[in-house]
Protein backbone atom coordinates (compact mmCIF):
# COMPACT_ATOMS: atom_id res chain seq x y z
CA MET A 1 4.73 -4.25 -26.51
CA ARG A 2 3.11 -6.61 -28.96
CA GLY A 3 6.53 -8.08 -29.63
CA GLN A 4 7.01 -8.94 -25.95
CA LEU A 5 3.44 -9.84 -24.94
CA GLY A 6 1.92 -10.91 -28.24
CA PHE A 7 -1.13 -8.67 -27.76
CA GLY A 8 -2.25 -5.08 -27.11
CA GLY A 9 -1.82 -1.78 -28.89
CA GLU A 10 -4.34 -2.29 -31.66
CA LEU A 11 -6.37 0.60 -30.25
CA VAL A 12 -5.30 3.57 -28.14
CA GLU A 13 -8.13 4.89 -25.98
CA ASP A 14 -8.12 8.48 -24.74
CA PRO A 15 -9.54 9.31 -21.32
CA VAL A 16 -12.81 11.23 -21.12
CA PRO A 17 -12.07 14.87 -20.18
CA LEU A 18 -13.19 15.90 -16.70
CA GLU A 19 -15.64 18.47 -18.04
CA ARG A 20 -17.61 15.71 -19.77
CA VAL A 21 -18.15 13.75 -16.56
CA ARG A 22 -21.70 14.01 -15.26
CA LEU A 23 -22.60 13.59 -11.59
CA PRO A 24 -25.97 13.81 -9.85
CA ASP A 25 -26.52 16.93 -7.75
CA PRO A 26 -25.26 16.73 -4.16
CA ARG A 27 -27.84 15.33 -1.77
CA LEU A 28 -26.55 17.35 1.18
CA ALA A 29 -26.66 21.08 1.89
CA VAL A 30 -23.49 22.39 3.53
CA PRO A 31 -24.24 24.53 6.61
CA PRO A 32 -22.98 28.14 6.46
CA ASP A 33 -20.38 27.65 9.18
CA LEU A 34 -18.65 24.91 7.15
CA LEU A 35 -18.75 26.50 3.70
CA ASP A 36 -15.12 27.65 3.91
CA ILE A 37 -13.83 24.07 4.29
CA CYS A 38 -16.35 22.18 2.11
CA SER A 39 -16.57 21.75 -1.64
CA THR A 40 -19.10 20.31 -4.07
CA SER A 41 -17.05 21.05 -7.20
CA LEU A 42 -16.93 18.46 -9.98
CA ARG A 43 -13.16 17.97 -9.67
CA ASP A 44 -13.24 17.46 -5.91
CA ARG A 45 -16.18 15.08 -5.99
CA VAL A 46 -14.64 12.98 -8.77
CA THR A 47 -11.13 12.77 -7.34
CA CYS A 48 -12.36 11.93 -3.83
CA SER A 49 -14.88 9.28 -4.90
CA CYS A 50 -12.42 6.79 -6.40
CA GLY A 51 -9.08 5.29 -5.50
CA GLN A 52 -6.49 3.63 -7.72
CA ALA A 53 -7.91 0.11 -8.00
CA PHE A 54 -8.17 -1.33 -11.49
CA ARG A 55 -11.95 -0.87 -11.44
CA ASP A 56 -11.43 2.82 -10.55
CA VAL A 57 -8.98 3.41 -13.38
CA VAL A 58 -11.24 1.74 -15.97
CA ARG A 59 -14.37 3.64 -15.00
CA VAL A 60 -12.83 7.06 -14.50
CA MET A 61 -10.96 6.81 -17.81
CA ARG A 62 -14.40 6.45 -19.43
CA GLY A 63 -16.00 9.22 -17.39
CA ARG A 64 -17.92 6.92 -15.03
CA VAL A 65 -18.17 7.71 -11.33
CA ASP A 66 -20.74 5.20 -10.14
CA HIS A 67 -20.85 6.16 -6.48
CA PRO A 68 -19.92 9.82 -6.09
CA THR A 69 -19.51 11.50 -2.76
CA ASP A 70 -21.76 14.51 -2.16
CA VAL A 71 -19.47 16.87 -0.26
CA VAL A 72 -15.70 17.02 0.24
CA ALA A 73 -14.66 18.55 3.56
CA ARG A 74 -11.08 19.67 4.17
CA PRO A 75 -10.72 20.38 7.89
CA ARG A 76 -7.66 22.31 9.04
CA SER A 77 -7.79 21.27 12.68
CA GLU A 78 -9.15 18.57 14.95
CA ALA A 79 -11.89 20.97 16.03
CA GLU A 80 -13.04 21.22 12.43
CA VAL A 81 -12.90 17.42 12.07
CA ALA A 82 -15.24 17.15 15.06
CA ARG A 83 -17.56 19.79 13.59
CA VAL A 84 -17.80 17.89 10.30
CA LEU A 85 -18.59 14.64 12.12
CA ALA A 86 -21.30 16.38 14.16
CA TRP A 87 -22.86 17.87 11.03
CA ALA A 88 -22.77 14.48 9.25
CA ALA A 89 -24.55 12.89 12.20
CA ASP A 90 -27.26 15.57 12.19
CA ALA A 91 -27.66 15.24 8.41
CA GLY A 92 -27.82 11.43 8.51
CA ALA A 93 -24.76 11.19 6.24
CA ALA A 94 -22.02 8.59 5.97
CA VAL A 95 -18.42 9.75 6.44
CA VAL A 96 -15.50 8.47 4.36
CA PRO A 97 -11.95 9.50 5.36
CA HIS A 98 -9.57 10.42 2.54
CA GLY A 99 -5.80 10.78 2.48
CA GLY A 100 -3.78 10.39 -0.70
CA GLY A 101 -6.55 8.56 -2.54
CA THR A 102 -4.23 5.64 -3.39
CA SER A 103 -6.43 2.78 -2.15
CA VAL A 104 -6.39 -0.15 -4.57
CA VAL A 105 -9.09 -2.16 -2.76
CA GLY A 106 -12.13 0.12 -2.83
CA GLY A 107 -11.27 1.67 0.52
CA ILE A 108 -12.58 5.17 -0.22
CA GLU A 109 -15.36 4.61 -2.77
CA PRO A 110 -18.77 5.04 -1.06
CA ARG A 111 -20.12 1.92 -2.73
CA ASN A 112 -23.33 0.01 -1.89
CA LEU A 113 -24.16 2.02 1.23
CA PRO A 114 -27.24 1.18 3.30
CA SER A 115 -30.28 3.25 2.27
CA ARG A 116 -30.49 4.83 5.72
CA PHE A 117 -27.79 7.34 4.77
CA ALA A 118 -28.95 10.64 3.29
CA GLY A 119 -25.64 11.21 1.54
CA VAL A 120 -21.86 10.97 1.85
CA VAL A 121 -19.28 13.39 3.21
CA THR A 122 -15.67 12.66 2.28
CA VAL A 123 -13.25 14.10 4.84
CA ASP A 124 -9.96 14.94 3.11
CA LEU A 125 -7.35 15.22 5.88
CA ARG A 126 -4.42 16.45 3.80
CA ALA A 127 -4.50 19.95 5.34
CA LEU A 128 -3.26 18.32 8.57
CA ASN A 129 0.25 17.82 7.20
CA ARG A 130 2.82 19.12 9.69
CA VAL A 131 5.50 17.55 11.82
CA LEU A 132 4.37 18.95 15.18
CA GLU A 133 7.11 17.80 17.53
CA ILE A 134 10.37 15.86 17.53
CA ASP A 135 11.75 13.96 20.51
CA PRO A 136 15.45 13.53 19.59
CA VAL A 137 16.17 11.74 22.88
CA SER A 138 13.68 8.93 22.19
CA GLY A 139 13.97 9.05 18.40
CA ALA A 140 10.34 9.83 17.67
CA ALA A 141 8.19 12.50 16.03
CA ARG A 142 4.57 13.63 16.37
CA ILE A 143 3.20 14.05 12.86
CA GLN A 144 -0.24 15.00 11.58
CA ALA A 145 -2.01 12.26 9.68
CA GLY A 146 -2.47 14.17 6.42
CA ALA A 147 1.25 14.52 5.72
CA THR A 148 2.34 12.74 2.55
CA GLY A 149 5.61 10.85 2.34
CA PRO A 150 7.55 13.71 0.70
CA GLN A 151 6.07 16.29 3.09
CA LEU A 152 7.00 14.49 6.28
CA GLU A 153 10.44 13.46 4.99
CA GLU A 154 11.25 17.03 3.97
CA GLN A 155 10.33 18.32 7.42
CA LEU A 156 12.29 15.56 9.17
CA ARG A 157 15.31 16.15 6.92
CA ALA A 158 15.92 19.52 8.58
CA ASP A 159 16.86 17.58 11.74
CA GLY A 160 18.82 14.91 9.86
CA LEU A 161 16.05 12.37 10.46
CA SER A 162 13.92 10.00 8.40
CA MET A 163 10.88 7.87 9.09
CA ARG A 164 12.41 5.30 6.69
CA PHE A 165 9.04 4.27 5.30
CA TYR A 166 8.78 4.15 1.52
CA PRO A 167 5.75 2.29 0.08
CA GLN A 168 5.20 2.43 -3.66
CA SER A 169 2.51 5.04 -2.96
CA PHE A 170 5.04 7.21 -1.07
CA GLU A 171 4.61 10.21 -3.38
CA CYS A 172 0.88 10.62 -2.66
CA ALA A 173 -0.15 8.51 0.34
CA THR A 174 -0.40 9.93 3.87
CA LEU A 175 0.71 8.86 7.32
CA GLY A 176 -2.90 8.42 8.42
CA GLY A 177 -3.59 6.25 5.39
CA TRP A 178 -0.55 4.10 6.13
CA ILE A 179 -1.77 3.53 9.69
CA ALA A 180 -5.39 2.95 8.71
CA THR A 181 -4.39 0.33 6.14
CA ARG A 182 -1.44 -1.31 7.96
CA ALA A 183 0.78 -0.46 5.03
CA ALA A 184 4.24 -1.88 4.36
CA GLY A 185 7.23 -0.02 2.99
CA HIS A 186 9.55 -1.36 0.33
CA PHE A 187 12.28 -2.40 2.79
CA ALA A 188 12.29 -6.16 2.58
CA THR A 189 13.25 -7.07 6.15
CA GLY A 190 13.50 -5.47 9.58
CA PRO A 191 11.12 -2.62 10.45
CA THR A 192 9.15 -2.54 7.22
CA ARG A 193 5.50 -2.41 8.35
CA ILE A 194 3.93 0.73 9.75
CA ASP A 195 3.05 -1.39 12.81
CA ASP A 196 6.75 -1.44 13.69
CA LEU A 197 7.01 2.36 13.67
CA VAL A 198 3.92 3.55 15.57
CA GLU A 199 4.28 4.69 19.21
CA SER A 200 0.79 6.11 19.69
CA VAL A 201 -2.20 7.21 17.64
CA ARG A 202 -4.81 9.93 18.04
CA ALA A 203 -8.20 9.81 16.32
CA ILE A 204 -11.52 11.64 16.43
CA THR A 205 -14.53 9.34 16.78
CA PRO A 206 -18.28 10.08 17.00
CA THR A 207 -18.07 9.32 20.74
CA GLY A 208 -14.91 11.28 21.61
CA VAL A 209 -11.15 11.46 21.19
CA TRP A 210 -9.17 8.22 20.93
CA GLN A 211 -5.70 8.98 22.28
CA SER A 212 -3.35 6.19 23.29
CA ARG A 213 -0.54 6.63 25.77
CA ARG A 214 2.85 7.12 24.17
CA LEU A 215 5.01 4.14 25.13
CA PRO A 216 7.84 2.11 23.58
CA SER A 217 5.94 -1.05 24.47
CA SER A 218 3.27 -2.15 26.92
CA GLY A 219 1.75 -5.34 28.26
CA ALA A 220 -1.34 -3.56 29.58
CA GLY A 221 -4.10 -5.50 27.86
CA PRO A 222 -5.00 -5.36 24.18
CA SER A 223 -3.29 -2.44 22.46
CA PRO A 224 -5.49 0.54 21.50
CA ASP A 225 -3.00 1.33 18.72
CA ARG A 226 -3.28 -2.19 17.29
CA LEU A 227 -7.04 -1.77 17.06
CA LEU A 228 -6.69 1.44 15.03
CA LEU A 229 -3.95 -0.05 12.83
CA GLY A 230 -5.81 -1.51 9.87
CA SER A 231 -9.19 -0.10 10.96
CA GLU A 232 -9.56 1.70 7.60
CA GLY A 233 -11.46 4.68 9.00
CA THR A 234 -14.25 2.55 10.45
CA LEU A 235 -13.44 3.35 14.10
CA GLY A 236 -12.31 6.96 13.86
CA LEU A 237 -10.57 9.59 11.76
CA ILE A 238 -6.86 9.44 12.53
CA THR A 239 -5.49 12.95 13.01
CA GLU A 240 -1.93 12.43 14.26
CA ALA A 241 0.54 9.86 15.54
CA TRP A 242 3.86 9.55 17.30
CA VAL A 243 6.15 7.47 15.09
CA ARG A 244 9.70 6.23 15.43
CA VAL A 245 12.29 8.09 13.37
CA ARG A 246 16.02 7.60 12.89
CA PRO A 247 19.08 9.37 11.53
CA ARG A 248 19.19 9.42 7.76
CA PRO A 249 21.31 6.58 6.33
CA ARG A 250 24.83 7.48 5.20
CA CYS A 251 26.28 4.13 4.12
CA GLN A 252 24.94 1.87 1.40
CA ALA A 253 25.82 -1.36 -0.37
CA LEU A 254 23.97 -2.86 -3.34
CA ALA A 255 24.28 -5.97 -5.47
CA LEU A 256 22.35 -7.75 -8.18
CA VAL A 257 22.53 -11.54 -7.98
CA SER A 258 21.28 -14.01 -10.58
CA PHE A 259 19.94 -17.56 -10.32
CA ASP A 260 19.30 -20.04 -13.09
CA ASP A 261 16.53 -21.56 -10.97
CA LEU A 262 13.72 -19.61 -9.24
CA ASP A 263 13.53 -22.13 -6.40
CA ALA A 264 17.21 -21.62 -5.69
CA GLY A 265 16.54 -17.89 -5.44
CA MET A 266 13.71 -18.54 -2.95
CA TYR A 267 15.97 -20.74 -0.83
CA ALA A 268 18.55 -17.93 -0.84
CA VAL A 269 15.97 -15.36 0.25
CA ARG A 270 14.82 -17.63 3.08
CA ASP A 271 18.43 -18.17 4.15
CA LEU A 272 19.08 -14.42 4.20
CA ALA A 273 15.85 -13.68 6.08
CA GLN A 274 16.82 -16.19 8.76
CA SER A 275 20.48 -15.13 8.93
CA GLY A 276 20.04 -12.05 11.11
CA LEU A 277 21.83 -9.87 8.54
CA GLN A 278 18.61 -7.91 7.88
CA PRO A 279 19.20 -6.56 4.37
CA ALA A 280 17.24 -3.42 3.57
CA ASN A 281 16.39 -4.90 0.19
CA CYS A 282 16.06 -8.59 -0.53
CA ARG A 283 13.66 -8.66 -3.46
CA LEU A 284 13.56 -11.65 -5.80
CA LEU A 285 12.30 -11.21 -9.38
CA ASP A 286 11.44 -14.17 -11.59
CA PRO A 287 12.77 -14.06 -15.19
CA PRO A 288 9.87 -12.08 -16.74
CA GLU A 289 9.85 -9.57 -13.87
CA ALA A 290 13.62 -9.22 -14.06
CA GLN A 291 13.50 -8.67 -17.79
CA ARG A 292 10.95 -5.86 -17.45
CA ALA A 293 12.42 -4.21 -14.34
CA VAL A 294 16.20 -4.50 -14.67
CA GLY A 295 16.78 -5.59 -18.26
CA GLY A 296 17.37 -9.26 -17.41
CA ASP A 297 17.99 -11.93 -20.01
CA GLY A 298 14.50 -13.42 -19.63
CA LYS A 299 15.93 -16.71 -18.36
CA SER A 300 17.48 -15.86 -14.98
CA SER A 301 15.84 -14.81 -11.73
CA VAL A 302 17.41 -11.75 -10.12
CA LEU A 303 17.84 -10.90 -6.45
CA LEU A 304 18.11 -7.21 -5.56
CA LEU A 305 20.20 -7.16 -2.41
CA GLY A 306 20.93 -4.01 -0.42
CA PHE A 307 22.13 -2.77 2.96
CA GLU A 308 22.18 0.66 4.56
CA SER A 309 23.24 2.22 7.85
CA PHE A 310 23.54 5.58 9.56
CA ASP A 311 27.22 5.19 10.40
CA GLU A 312 28.28 1.53 10.36
CA PRO A 313 30.03 0.27 7.22
CA VAL A 314 27.72 -2.13 5.42
CA GLY A 315 30.12 -3.53 2.83
CA PRO A 316 31.11 -6.44 5.11
CA ARG A 317 27.44 -7.36 5.63
CA LEU A 318 26.85 -7.37 1.88
CA ARG A 319 29.86 -9.65 1.36
CA ARG A 320 28.56 -12.05 4.01
CA ALA A 321 25.15 -12.04 2.32
CA LEU A 322 26.74 -12.78 -1.06
CA LEU A 323 28.55 -15.74 0.46
CA ARG A 324 25.23 -17.08 1.73
CA ALA A 325 23.60 -16.56 -1.65
CA GLY A 326 26.54 -18.40 -3.23
CA ARG A 327 25.53 -21.52 -1.32
CA HIS A 328 22.40 -21.55 -3.48
CA ARG A 329 24.26 -21.33 -6.80
CA ALA A 330 23.97 -17.55 -7.04
CA ARG A 331 26.19 -15.75 -9.53
CA TRP A 332 27.12 -12.11 -9.85
CA ASP A 333 29.57 -9.80 -11.52
CA GLU A 334 31.58 -7.30 -9.51
CA ALA A 335 30.25 -4.64 -11.88
CA ASP A 336 26.85 -5.29 -10.28
CA VAL A 337 28.17 -4.65 -6.76
CA SER A 338 28.37 -1.15 -5.30
CA ILE A 339 29.60 -0.27 -1.80
CA ASP A 340 29.61 3.27 -0.43
CA ASP A 341 30.79 3.32 3.17
CA SER A 342 32.19 6.85 2.93
CA GLY A 343 29.45 8.24 5.16
CA ALA A 344 28.43 10.80 2.54
CA TRP A 345 25.51 8.94 0.97
CA ASP A 346 22.03 10.23 1.78
CA ALA A 347 18.80 8.45 0.85
CA PRO A 348 16.47 8.54 -0.89
CA ASP A 349 17.42 10.18 -4.16
CA GLN A 350 16.12 9.52 -7.63
CA ASN A 351 19.33 9.18 -9.61
CA PRO A 352 21.91 6.41 -9.83
CA THR A 353 24.73 8.46 -8.29
CA SER A 354 25.09 8.92 -4.55
CA ARG A 355 26.17 12.14 -2.84
CA SER A 356 29.71 10.80 -2.55
CA GLY A 357 29.91 10.07 -6.28
CA ALA A 358 29.77 6.28 -6.07
CA VAL A 359 27.74 4.89 -8.96
CA ARG A 360 25.05 2.38 -8.17
CA PRO A 361 24.73 -0.65 -10.41
CA ARG A 362 22.85 0.39 -13.54
CA ALA A 363 20.33 -2.40 -13.11
CA ALA A 364 19.60 -1.31 -9.53
CA ALA A 365 18.90 2.22 -10.74
CA ALA A 366 16.66 0.79 -13.48
CA TRP A 367 14.71 -1.22 -10.92
CA ARG A 368 14.22 1.86 -8.75
CA SER A 369 12.76 3.75 -11.69
CA ALA A 370 10.54 0.81 -12.67
CA PHE A 371 9.32 0.44 -9.07
CA LEU A 372 8.20 4.07 -8.94
CA ALA A 373 6.76 4.10 -12.45
CA MET A 374 4.76 0.85 -12.31
CA PRO A 375 1.43 2.32 -11.09
CA TYR A 376 1.51 4.88 -13.90
CA LEU A 377 2.47 2.25 -16.46
CA ARG A 378 -0.52 0.12 -15.45
CA ASP A 379 -2.86 2.98 -16.32
CA LEU A 380 -1.15 3.48 -19.68
CA LEU A 381 -1.37 -0.23 -20.54
CA LEU A 382 -5.13 -0.13 -20.00
CA ARG A 383 -5.38 2.59 -22.65
CA VAL A 384 -3.80 0.25 -25.19
CA GLY A 385 -5.96 -2.78 -24.41
CA VAL A 386 -4.02 -4.64 -21.72
CA VAL A 387 -5.33 -5.63 -18.30
CA ALA A 388 -2.27 -5.11 -16.07
CA GLU A 389 -2.87 -5.70 -12.39
CA THR A 390 -1.26 -7.28 -9.35
CA LEU A 391 -2.06 -9.78 -6.62
CA GLU A 392 -0.19 -9.76 -3.30
CA THR A 393 -0.29 -12.03 -0.28
CA ALA A 394 1.91 -13.62 2.38
CA ALA A 395 2.44 -17.16 3.64
CA THR A 396 4.84 -19.17 5.76
CA TRP A 397 7.86 -20.60 3.97
CA ASP A 398 6.46 -24.14 3.97
CA ARG A 399 3.49 -22.92 1.90
CA VAL A 400 4.95 -20.26 -0.37
CA ARG A 401 5.83 -22.49 -3.35
CA ASP A 402 2.47 -24.30 -3.33
CA LEU A 403 0.62 -21.00 -2.97
CA VAL A 404 2.42 -19.44 -5.92
CA ALA A 405 1.86 -22.49 -8.12
CA ALA A 406 -1.84 -22.74 -7.22
CA THR A 407 -2.46 -19.03 -7.74
CA LYS A 408 -0.70 -18.97 -11.10
CA GLU A 409 -2.72 -21.98 -12.21
CA ALA A 410 -6.00 -20.38 -11.07
CA VAL A 411 -5.22 -17.14 -12.89
CA SER A 412 -4.19 -18.86 -16.12
CA ALA A 413 -7.20 -21.18 -16.10
CA THR A 414 -9.61 -18.29 -15.51
CA ALA A 415 -8.03 -15.74 -17.83
CA GLY A 416 -7.36 -18.13 -20.70
CA LEU A 417 -4.59 -17.63 -23.22
CA PRO A 418 -2.65 -15.55 -23.89
CA CYS A 419 -1.84 -14.74 -20.28
CA HIS A 420 1.39 -13.64 -18.60
CA VAL A 421 1.79 -14.17 -14.85
CA SER A 422 5.08 -13.15 -13.26
CA LEU A 423 6.33 -13.17 -9.67
CA ARG A 424 8.42 -11.15 -7.29
CA ILE A 425 9.06 -11.75 -3.60
CA THR A 426 8.71 -8.30 -2.06
CA HIS A 427 9.16 -8.90 1.68
CA ALA A 428 11.07 -11.62 3.51
CA TYR A 429 10.55 -12.71 7.10
CA PRO A 430 12.29 -15.46 9.06
CA ASP A 431 9.09 -17.52 8.90
CA GLY A 432 7.65 -16.54 5.53
CA ALA A 433 7.48 -14.19 2.57
CA ALA A 434 5.17 -11.94 0.56
CA PRO A 435 4.67 -13.16 -3.04
CA TYR A 436 3.52 -10.44 -5.46
CA LEU A 437 2.10 -11.53 -8.81
CA THR A 438 1.73 -9.38 -11.92
CA VAL A 439 -0.98 -10.40 -14.39
CA LEU A 440 -1.05 -9.23 -18.03
CA VAL A 441 -3.92 -10.34 -20.29
CA PRO A 442 -5.68 -8.90 -23.36
CA ALA A 443 -8.52 -6.64 -22.26
CA ARG A 444 -12.08 -7.37 -23.30
CA HIS A 445 -13.04 -3.83 -24.25
CA GLY A 446 -15.99 -2.60 -22.19
CA ASP A 447 -15.88 -5.64 -19.90
CA GLU A 448 -12.52 -5.11 -18.17
CA VAL A 449 -13.93 -4.72 -14.64
CA ASP A 450 -15.84 -8.00 -14.71
CA GLN A 451 -12.91 -9.64 -16.46
CA TRP A 452 -10.51 -8.69 -13.67
CA ASP A 453 -13.02 -9.38 -10.87
CA THR A 454 -13.39 -12.95 -12.16
CA ILE A 455 -9.63 -13.47 -12.31
CA LYS A 456 -9.12 -11.98 -8.86
CA ALA A 457 -11.87 -14.09 -7.30
CA ALA A 458 -10.22 -17.27 -8.59
CA ALA A 459 -6.82 -16.11 -7.37
CA THR A 460 -8.16 -15.17 -3.93
CA ALA A 461 -9.76 -18.59 -3.51
CA ALA A 462 -6.45 -20.26 -4.39
CA VAL A 463 -4.56 -18.04 -1.93
CA LEU A 464 -6.91 -18.81 0.94
CA ASP A 465 -7.01 -22.53 0.10
CA THR A 466 -3.20 -22.74 0.29
CA GLY A 467 -2.84 -20.88 3.59
CA GLY A 468 -2.12 -17.32 2.46
CA THR A 469 -3.65 -14.04 3.55
CA VAL A 470 -6.10 -12.02 1.50
CA THR A 471 -3.63 -9.12 1.63
CA HIS A 472 -0.11 -8.44 2.88
CA HIS A 473 -0.14 -4.65 2.52
CA HIS A 474 -3.02 -3.40 0.37
CA ALA A 475 -5.67 -3.50 3.14
CA VAL A 476 -9.21 -4.94 2.95
CA GLY A 477 -11.41 -2.11 1.72
CA ARG A 478 -14.54 -3.31 -0.03
CA ASP A 479 -12.85 -5.48 -2.64
CA HIS A 480 -11.21 -7.89 -0.16
CA ARG A 481 -13.98 -8.02 2.42
CA ALA A 482 -15.32 -11.45 1.46
CA GLY A 483 -11.82 -12.90 1.71
CA TYR A 484 -11.24 -11.14 5.02
CA ASP A 485 -14.52 -12.55 6.38
CA ALA A 486 -13.28 -16.04 5.51
CA GLU A 487 -9.85 -15.39 7.05
CA GLN A 488 -10.73 -13.92 10.45
CA PRO A 489 -11.86 -16.07 13.41
CA GLY A 490 -15.59 -15.91 14.12
CA PRO A 491 -15.33 -14.66 17.73
CA PHE A 492 -12.93 -11.94 16.62
CA ALA A 493 -15.37 -10.80 13.94
CA ILE A 494 -18.08 -10.46 16.58
CA ALA A 495 -15.74 -8.51 18.88
CA LEU A 496 -14.70 -6.16 16.05
CA ARG A 497 -18.29 -5.37 15.18
CA ALA A 498 -19.02 -4.70 18.85
CA ALA A 499 -16.07 -2.28 19.02
CA LYS A 500 -17.40 -0.55 15.91
CA ALA A 501 -20.84 -0.19 17.51
CA ALA A 502 -19.31 1.26 20.69
CA VAL A 503 -17.32 4.08 19.05
CA ASP A 504 -19.55 4.62 16.01
CA PRO A 505 -23.14 3.85 17.10
CA GLY A 506 -24.58 5.21 13.87
CA GLY A 507 -22.30 3.04 11.76
CA ARG A 508 -21.53 6.06 9.59
CA LEU A 509 -17.71 5.83 9.45
CA ASN A 510 -16.67 4.34 6.09
CA PRO A 511 -19.55 1.86 5.92
CA GLY A 512 -18.79 -1.15 3.75
CA ALA A 513 -15.03 -1.03 4.19
CA LEU A 514 -13.56 -3.83 6.33
CA LEU A 515 -16.96 -4.71 7.83
CA ASP A 516 -20.33 -5.68 6.37
CA PRO A 517 -22.46 -2.53 6.92
CA THR A 518 -25.63 -4.62 7.19
CA ALA A 519 -24.36 -6.96 9.93
CA LEU A 520 -25.70 -6.26 13.41
CA PRO A 521 -23.18 -5.67 16.21
CA GLY A 522 -22.44 -8.76 18.29
CA ARG A 523 -24.02 -11.16 15.77
CA PRO A 524 -22.21 -13.75 13.61
């Protein structure tokens, strides 16, 4: 690592064992009728008080849980969800919903709560994890919100179906979490956001059940589903949803394409996004990213290009896409092209060989492994003295290059040298793209949280100044709230706070996430 980065590895830090973590006593007494679904154990309180943001990883590694929850409730039904909410209201407690615990923006840490709350109850919804109903005629399924990616896919597989939604947090994150945070999957084009897959949502609020009508589309006023999408548990606890599903893909084509110039690669991605071909994967890696993820030469940018289909051969679409990329001086070797239109391929699997025996390009298999391993690698790098974190955003094509340049400059100027900033384009739309930056800098031991907060603040300012969004798919939480406040229109902010006051008069649902908990409803 020192050979590639020039720093890190002088010291290897071991995490503090769980048994050495010290928490204050719970401030809430669980009523007898809820004892069978509530816990105040050390492990439960620690694991449900922090997400997977860099600040979380740093502190928990050193045995620090600065804002612990008091009680973890694990309801097994909507009736038990309602009972927990009623108890929290009587006890004067705040309520924080919890799914897979993968928030990287402070979405589940009960941080800086108003003093009016007597304590915090974290509601872990993962016991609600079943596929309840499948409508094969309409291509939809009713799924409980606590189902993780593997759980819901395994249940859908029995009917030959897939939700086709694979974020990097797929292994641990839940359907309810995806909806609450407006998550995006790793498919680069087409239906890639959870917004595109939701038919209706059901949630339990302090003032009643929020159940939208199940429809393919509607023009009847503002959408109740759109209000819950991205609400981050501030309007209600999502318990289930109808989502669109589809037959599992059986044909696949992959290619790795190289560019000597990053700009040429960006032009190719824009061309492909506007072509109507809709590749499942159209991810551009700059030279450092390509070198780490697919063993690139460190000089060329690499485009990961892929297509898939239930029954239609996709080889011809890949060939058409390669021709378009060729207009932008793309180059590739036929050894890096794989087409399996036999109808026997079934996704996703974790090895480089499909069910039909066709071998995927080795580099594509390497990228898949790197994609899944990256969150774990980040935690390991911290232990050896490297701050490794990411910044993601989205902007229209006319602003993408300026945004990337300004953000890189802001990061480098704030972090100082040595500093490595690399880029990948993760999602491509006809009108824009989602740049994703990886930052690697030497850690200042004991000061890593402030170090990263300073870098991120500078990067966020650059993103907003150049027309980007504070987040493309990581949600707002508590870490992005200042940027979100600057991004949203003033009248909308007033309307959102009024909606919050209407369904959660006590302001107890996830206070501090998405909205300023001290702001009065209906006031600027």
